[in-house]
Amino acid sequence: MEISGSEEDLRSLHDWLRDEDELRRAAVEWRSMPPKPDEMGSAGVLTVTLADDADHAVLARSIAVWTRHRAAVALTITAGGRVAEVDSRPLSDPAELAEIIAKLVR
């Protein structure tokens, strides 16, 4: 699964996920990418490799909680050729993001 967004957001999310006890077995890797020609600022990609299917719910809940600590977030989540956009509002319901991720990995 890949998560793309601003460099600042992804660095923060990377650290957040690495500190998540329930995701200890997951591999979370961050890499910087040059911005697209029509965009300002730096961008990046997080690659998240989960140990098993049960970790999808943990990942979704963790990202949803992380968004509550951010003023504005825009992420693109890609898995298995499917793409979902998470807009800049904090997600108040972790189940909403869990459903998004579940649809991506089906």
N, C-alpha and C. Protein backbone atom coordinates (compact mmCIF):
# COMPACT_ATOMS: atom_id res chain seq x y z
N MET A 1 0.85 -1.15 0.00
CA MET A 1 0.00 0.00 0.00
C MET A 1 0.90 1.23 0.00
N GLU A 2 0.54 2.22 -0.81
CA GLU A 2 1.30 3.46 -0.83
C GLU A 2 0.39 4.61 -0.41
N ILE A 3 0.96 5.53 0.32
CA ILE A 3 0.26 6.73 0.76
C ILE A 3 1.09 7.92 0.30
N SER A 4 0.49 8.78 -0.51
CA SER A 4 1.24 9.95 -0.98
C SER A 4 0.57 11.22 -0.45
N GLY A 5 1.39 12.27 -0.37
CA GLY A 5 0.93 13.56 0.14
C GLY A 5 2.11 14.49 0.28
N SER A 6 1.93 15.52 1.08
CA SER A 6 3.02 16.48 1.27
C SER A 6 4.13 15.85 2.10
N GLU A 7 5.34 16.33 1.90
CA GLU A 7 6.48 15.79 2.65
C GLU A 7 6.27 15.96 4.15
N GLU A 8 5.80 17.11 4.57
CA GLU A 8 5.58 17.37 6.00
C GLU A 8 4.58 16.38 6.59
N ASP A 9 3.45 16.19 5.89
CA ASP A 9 2.44 15.26 6.39
C ASP A 9 2.98 13.84 6.44
N LEU A 10 3.68 13.43 5.40
CA LEU A 10 4.15 12.05 5.35
C LEU A 10 5.26 11.77 6.36
N ARG A 11 6.11 12.73 6.60
CA ARG A 11 7.13 12.54 7.65
C ARG A 11 6.45 12.37 9.01
N SER A 12 5.44 13.20 9.26
CA SER A 12 4.70 13.10 10.51
C SER A 12 3.97 11.77 10.61
N LEU A 13 3.29 11.37 9.54
CA LEU A 13 2.56 10.11 9.54
C LEU A 13 3.52 8.92 9.67
N HIS A 14 4.66 8.99 9.02
CA HIS A 14 5.68 7.94 9.14
C HIS A 14 6.07 7.74 10.59
N ASP A 15 6.40 8.83 11.27
CA ASP A 15 6.79 8.73 12.68
C ASP A 15 5.63 8.20 13.53
N TRP A 16 4.43 8.66 13.24
CA TRP A 16 3.24 8.23 13.97
C TRP A 16 3.04 6.72 13.83
N LEU A 17 3.11 6.22 12.61
CA LEU A 17 2.90 4.79 12.37
C LEU A 17 4.02 3.94 12.96
N ARG A 18 5.24 4.45 12.93
CA ARG A 18 6.37 3.70 13.50
C ARG A 18 6.23 3.57 15.01
N ASP A 19 5.53 4.52 15.64
CA ASP A 19 5.32 4.48 17.08
C ASP A 19 4.09 3.66 17.48
N GLU A 20 3.32 3.20 16.51
CA GLU A 20 2.10 2.42 16.78
C GLU A 20 2.49 0.99 17.15
N ASP A 21 2.28 0.63 18.42
CA ASP A 21 2.68 -0.69 18.92
C ASP A 21 2.07 -1.83 18.10
N GLU A 22 0.82 -1.67 17.70
CA GLU A 22 0.14 -2.75 16.98
C GLU A 22 0.61 -2.91 15.54
N LEU A 23 1.42 -1.97 15.06
CA LEU A 23 1.96 -2.07 13.70
C LEU A 23 3.46 -2.37 13.69
N ARG A 24 3.96 -2.91 14.79
CA ARG A 24 5.39 -3.19 14.90
C ARG A 24 5.90 -4.11 13.80
N ARG A 25 5.06 -5.04 13.37
CA ARG A 25 5.49 -5.99 12.33
C ARG A 25 5.35 -5.43 10.93
N ALA A 26 4.72 -4.29 10.80
CA ALA A 26 4.55 -3.67 9.47
C ALA A 26 5.83 -2.94 9.08
N ALA A 27 6.10 -2.93 7.79
CA ALA A 27 7.22 -2.15 7.27
C ALA A 27 6.67 -0.82 6.78
N VAL A 28 7.20 0.27 7.32
CA VAL A 28 6.77 1.61 6.93
C VAL A 28 8.00 2.36 6.42
N GLU A 29 8.00 2.64 5.13
CA GLU A 29 9.16 3.30 4.51
C GLU A 29 8.71 4.61 3.87
N TRP A 30 9.49 5.65 4.06
CA TRP A 30 9.20 6.97 3.52
C TRP A 30 10.25 7.32 2.48
N ARG A 31 9.80 7.92 1.37
CA ARG A 31 10.77 8.44 0.40
C ARG A 31 10.26 9.75 -0.16
N SER A 32 11.19 10.63 -0.39
CA SER A 32 10.87 11.95 -0.93
C SER A 32 10.73 11.85 -2.44
N MET A 33 9.86 12.69 -2.98
CA MET A 33 9.67 12.76 -4.42
C MET A 33 9.65 14.23 -4.83
N PRO A 34 10.15 14.53 -6.01
CA PRO A 34 10.07 15.92 -6.46
C PRO A 34 8.61 16.30 -6.71
N PRO A 35 8.27 17.57 -6.49
CA PRO A 35 6.89 17.98 -6.72
C PRO A 35 6.53 17.91 -8.21
N LYS A 36 5.26 17.74 -8.48
CA LYS A 36 4.78 17.76 -9.86
C LYS A 36 4.94 19.17 -10.40
N PRO A 37 5.03 19.33 -11.72
CA PRO A 37 5.27 20.66 -12.30
C PRO A 37 4.27 21.73 -11.86
N ASP A 38 3.03 21.36 -11.61
CA ASP A 38 2.02 22.34 -11.24
C ASP A 38 1.82 22.48 -9.73
N GLU A 39 2.71 21.88 -8.92
CA GLU A 39 2.58 21.91 -7.47
C GLU A 39 3.78 22.59 -6.83
N MET A 40 3.52 23.21 -5.68
CA MET A 40 4.60 23.82 -4.90
C MET A 40 4.92 22.90 -3.73
N GLY A 41 6.12 23.02 -3.22
CA GLY A 41 6.51 22.25 -2.04
C GLY A 41 6.96 20.85 -2.40
N SER A 42 7.41 20.14 -1.39
CA SER A 42 7.91 18.78 -1.57
C SER A 42 6.79 17.78 -1.38
N ALA A 43 6.96 16.64 -1.98
CA ALA A 43 5.99 15.56 -1.84
C ALA A 43 6.74 14.29 -1.46
N GLY A 44 6.01 13.27 -1.17
CA GLY A 44 6.64 12.01 -0.82
C GLY A 44 5.66 10.87 -0.90
N VAL A 45 6.18 9.69 -0.61
CA VAL A 45 5.37 8.48 -0.61
C VAL A 45 5.76 7.63 0.59
N LEU A 46 4.76 7.13 1.30
CA LEU A 46 4.97 6.13 2.33
C LEU A 46 4.56 4.79 1.74
N THR A 47 5.41 3.81 1.87
CA THR A 47 5.05 2.46 1.49
C THR A 47 4.83 1.68 2.78
N VAL A 48 3.64 1.12 2.91
CA VAL A 48 3.28 0.38 4.12
C VAL A 48 3.01 -1.06 3.72
N THR A 49 3.80 -1.97 4.27
CA THR A 49 3.61 -3.40 4.03
C THR A 49 3.15 -4.02 5.34
N LEU A 50 1.92 -4.49 5.35
CA LEU A 50 1.33 -5.01 6.58
C LEU A 50 1.61 -6.50 6.72
N ALA A 51 1.75 -6.94 7.96
CA ALA A 51 2.07 -8.35 8.23
C ALA A 51 0.89 -9.26 7.94
N ASP A 52 -0.34 -8.81 8.21
CA ASP A 52 -1.51 -9.62 7.89
C ASP A 52 -2.73 -8.73 7.71
N ASP A 53 -3.82 -9.34 7.25
CA ASP A 53 -5.03 -8.58 6.93
C ASP A 53 -5.61 -7.85 8.13
N ALA A 54 -5.45 -8.38 9.32
CA ALA A 54 -5.99 -7.74 10.52
C ALA A 54 -5.36 -6.37 10.75
N ASP A 55 -4.16 -6.16 10.22
CA ASP A 55 -3.48 -4.88 10.41
C ASP A 55 -4.11 -3.74 9.62
N HIS A 56 -4.96 -4.05 8.63
CA HIS A 56 -5.61 -2.99 7.86
C HIS A 56 -6.47 -2.11 8.77
N ALA A 57 -7.20 -2.73 9.69
CA ALA A 57 -8.05 -1.97 10.61
C ALA A 57 -7.21 -1.13 11.56
N VAL A 58 -6.09 -1.69 12.01
CA VAL A 58 -5.19 -0.94 12.89
C VAL A 58 -4.61 0.26 12.15
N LEU A 59 -4.18 0.04 10.91
CA LEU A 59 -3.63 1.13 10.10
C LEU A 59 -4.69 2.22 9.90
N ALA A 60 -5.89 1.82 9.53
CA ALA A 60 -6.96 2.79 9.30
C ALA A 60 -7.25 3.60 10.56
N ARG A 61 -7.36 2.92 11.69
CA ARG A 61 -7.63 3.62 12.95
C ARG A 61 -6.50 4.57 13.30
N SER A 62 -5.27 4.13 13.11
CA SER A 62 -4.12 4.95 13.44
C SER A 62 -4.05 6.21 12.57
N ILE A 63 -4.30 6.05 11.26
CA ILE A 63 -4.29 7.22 10.37
C ILE A 63 -5.43 8.16 10.73
N ALA A 64 -6.60 7.62 11.04
CA ALA A 64 -7.74 8.47 11.41
C ALA A 64 -7.43 9.27 12.67
N VAL A 65 -6.83 8.65 13.66
CA VAL A 65 -6.46 9.37 14.88
C VAL A 65 -5.41 10.43 14.56
N TRP A 66 -4.44 10.08 13.72
CA TRP A 66 -3.39 11.03 13.33
C TRP A 66 -4.00 12.28 12.67
N THR A 67 -5.03 12.08 11.81
CA THR A 67 -5.63 13.24 11.13
C THR A 67 -6.26 14.22 12.11
N ARG A 68 -6.69 13.72 13.26
CA ARG A 68 -7.30 14.61 14.27
C ARG A 68 -6.28 15.59 14.86
N HIS A 69 -5.00 15.26 14.72
CA HIS A 69 -3.93 16.11 15.24
C HIS A 69 -3.37 17.05 14.18
N ARG A 70 -3.95 17.05 13.01
CA ARG A 70 -3.46 17.86 11.89
C ARG A 70 -4.55 18.87 11.51
N ALA A 71 -4.13 20.07 11.16
CA ALA A 71 -5.09 21.10 10.76
C ALA A 71 -5.72 20.76 9.41
N ALA A 72 -4.92 20.30 8.48
CA ALA A 72 -5.42 19.96 7.14
C ALA A 72 -4.54 18.84 6.58
N VAL A 73 -5.19 17.86 5.98
CA VAL A 73 -4.48 16.72 5.44
C VAL A 73 -5.07 16.36 4.08
N ALA A 74 -4.21 16.06 3.13
CA ALA A 74 -4.64 15.54 1.84
C ALA A 74 -3.73 14.37 1.49
N LEU A 75 -4.29 13.17 1.49
CA LEU A 75 -3.53 11.97 1.22
C LEU A 75 -4.17 11.21 0.06
N THR A 76 -3.34 10.50 -0.67
CA THR A 76 -3.81 9.57 -1.68
C THR A 76 -3.32 8.19 -1.26
N ILE A 77 -4.26 7.26 -1.11
CA ILE A 77 -3.92 5.90 -0.69
C ILE A 77 -4.13 4.98 -1.88
N THR A 78 -3.08 4.21 -2.22
CA THR A 78 -3.13 3.32 -3.39
C THR A 78 -2.81 1.89 -2.95
N ALA A 79 -3.64 0.97 -3.39
CA ALA A 79 -3.39 -0.45 -3.10
C ALA A 79 -4.00 -1.28 -4.22
N GLY A 80 -3.22 -2.20 -4.75
CA GLY A 80 -3.73 -3.10 -5.77
C GLY A 80 -4.31 -2.41 -6.98
N GLY A 81 -3.73 -1.29 -7.38
CA GLY A 81 -4.22 -0.57 -8.55
C GLY A 81 -5.43 0.31 -8.28
N ARG A 82 -5.93 0.32 -7.06
CA ARG A 82 -7.07 1.15 -6.68
C ARG A 82 -6.57 2.36 -5.91
N VAL A 83 -7.30 3.46 -6.05
CA VAL A 83 -6.87 4.72 -5.44
C VAL A 83 -8.02 5.33 -4.66
N ALA A 84 -7.70 5.88 -3.47
CA ALA A 84 -8.68 6.61 -2.67
C ALA A 84 -8.05 7.92 -2.21
N GLU A 85 -8.83 8.97 -2.21
CA GLU A 85 -8.38 10.28 -1.74
C GLU A 85 -8.94 10.51 -0.34
N VAL A 86 -8.10 10.96 0.57
CA VAL A 86 -8.54 11.37 1.90
C VAL A 86 -8.39 12.87 1.93
N ASP A 87 -9.50 13.57 2.06
CA ASP A 87 -9.46 15.03 1.95
C ASP A 87 -8.93 15.70 3.21
N SER A 88 -8.93 17.02 3.21
CA SER A 88 -8.23 17.77 4.24
C SER A 88 -8.98 17.91 5.55
N ARG A 89 -10.11 17.29 5.69
CA ARG A 89 -10.81 17.37 6.97
C ARG A 89 -10.37 16.23 7.87
N PRO A 90 -10.31 16.44 9.14
CA PRO A 90 -10.02 15.32 10.02
C PRO A 90 -11.15 14.29 9.95
N LEU A 91 -10.81 13.04 10.01
CA LEU A 91 -11.80 11.98 10.00
C LEU A 91 -12.25 11.72 11.43
N SER A 92 -13.50 11.98 11.71
CA SER A 92 -13.99 11.79 13.07
C SER A 92 -14.32 10.34 13.37
N ASP A 93 -14.50 9.54 12.32
CA ASP A 93 -14.89 8.16 12.49
C ASP A 93 -13.84 7.24 11.86
N PRO A 94 -13.05 6.55 12.68
CA PRO A 94 -12.05 5.64 12.12
C PRO A 94 -12.65 4.57 11.21
N ALA A 95 -13.90 4.22 11.43
CA ALA A 95 -14.55 3.22 10.59
C ALA A 95 -14.66 3.70 9.14
N GLU A 96 -14.78 5.02 8.95
CA GLU A 96 -14.83 5.59 7.60
C GLU A 96 -13.55 5.27 6.84
N LEU A 97 -12.41 5.50 7.46
CA LEU A 97 -11.14 5.22 6.80
C LEU A 97 -10.91 3.71 6.68
N ALA A 98 -11.35 2.94 7.67
CA ALA A 98 -11.22 1.49 7.59
C ALA A 98 -11.98 0.96 6.38
N GLU A 99 -13.15 1.52 6.11
CA GLU A 99 -13.92 1.10 4.94
C GLU A 99 -13.21 1.48 3.65
N ILE A 100 -12.61 2.67 3.61
CA ILE A 100 -11.84 3.09 2.44
C ILE A 100 -10.71 2.11 2.16
N ILE A 101 -9.95 1.77 3.20
CA ILE A 101 -8.82 0.87 3.04
C ILE A 101 -9.30 -0.54 2.68
N ALA A 102 -10.38 -0.99 3.30
CA ALA A 102 -10.92 -2.31 2.99
C ALA A 102 -11.30 -2.42 1.52
N LYS A 103 -11.90 -1.38 0.98
CA LYS A 103 -12.27 -1.39 -0.44
C LYS A 103 -11.04 -1.44 -1.34
N LEU A 104 -9.96 -0.82 -0.90
CA LEU A 104 -8.73 -0.81 -1.70
C LEU A 104 -8.08 -2.17 -1.76
N VAL A 105 -8.14 -2.93 -0.70
CA VAL A 105 -7.40 -4.18 -0.65
C VAL A 105 -8.24 -5.40 -1.04
N ARG A 106 -9.50 -5.19 -1.32
CA ARG A 106 -10.35 -6.32 -1.75
C ARG A 106 -9.96 -6.81 -3.10
